[in-house]
Amino acid sequence: MTRFILLLTLVLNPLIAEAHRFAPSALDVRALGNGDVSVVWKTPVQATSNVPMLPELPPECDRIAETPWFPEGTGKVLRQQWRCSGESLEGLSLAISGLAANQSSAVVSVRPRPEVFFQEVLSANNPVFVVPAQRSGVATALHYLWLGAEHIAIGIDHLFFVAGLLLLVGWSMRLVYTVTAFTVGHSVTLALVSLGVVTNPEAVIEWLIALSIWVLAFELSRPGKHSRLWQRPWYLAALFGLLHGMGFAGALAETGLPQLHLPTALLFFNVGIELGQLAFIALLTVVGTFVLRLSQASWIKIAPVYVLGAVSTYWLLDRTGALLG
């Protein structure tokens, strides 16, 4: 049993070390007016090849200013200002050199106007982004629906918490109440932080999210089911949902919200998160049912609890260092 947990933790280590820290290179392009364009390029310090990755604008744009590289977190940042012949960014082709050589990707965020926002992920297979005309309400809804589902898919710590809730309450109406409470909790803080009503102390929130998973693992490891958490898990789910919503808001802040369709974007980002959570619960249920049909060994039922405990402890220690550092 101990060997199994150790092996599983080692296999998961590359994921848990980077949980909720999905940080590819990022290009931010903003129109300043009169054809001037601000370009901010952030990329990891450690590269996988000697080929540099740099932003590329079309020939009708000339670079008129550039700052030296400066460090920021685990990356480095380059700021540039360009002057383009057109008055609008619409139709402008944006690219990143060196993506294929570095086997990398880059998130491109474009603001042709303060109320208009576009985002695209560039890679070797998708090397160029052409700034489109203003996105419609329907297109905005679909875009943020996908972003929400994508975020929950790469938010390993959020998925671990959802898995802990499933282990705690099982597949019953209690799960419906508990997941609904979690949804209400994170929907509230997601909206409040995204709208600027409350601030988001990111390092503290990430530590508290790890703590929420550890608390679940601790409760699951206790004998008996007589505590208030076992009897009414939806209260704690709602409370921890408030924390996870601030984590979601931090990711959404990196993406940005279009002012023109702000309510639509916020709503469908949240819907995307919910659909991702439901898909994950369904997947766990199918896998769990299949495994239990193969064997009823007691360690199969307790192994996920140990994994939750080990991983959440790792995150707590890691994020404590980040919090104090």
Foldseek 3Di string as FASTA:
>chain_A
DVVVLVVVCVVCVVQLVCALPPDAKEWEWEDPFPQKIKIKTKHAPDFQDPWDKDKDWDPQKDWDDKDDWDDDDRIIMIITMIGGPDGFQAQIKMFIPPQAVRVGKYWYWYHRDQQAIDIDIAHPVRGIDGHHPGDDLVRLLVVLLQVLLVSLVSNVLVLLLLVLLCLLAPPDVLNVLQVVLLLVQLLVLLVCCLVPVDDQPPLVLLLVSLVSLLVSLVVSPDPDQPDPCSVRVNVSSNVNSNSVSSSVNVVVVVRDARNVNRVSSSVSSSVSNVVNSVVSVVVCVVVVVVVVVVDVDPCVSSSSSVSSNVSSVVSNVVSVVVVVD
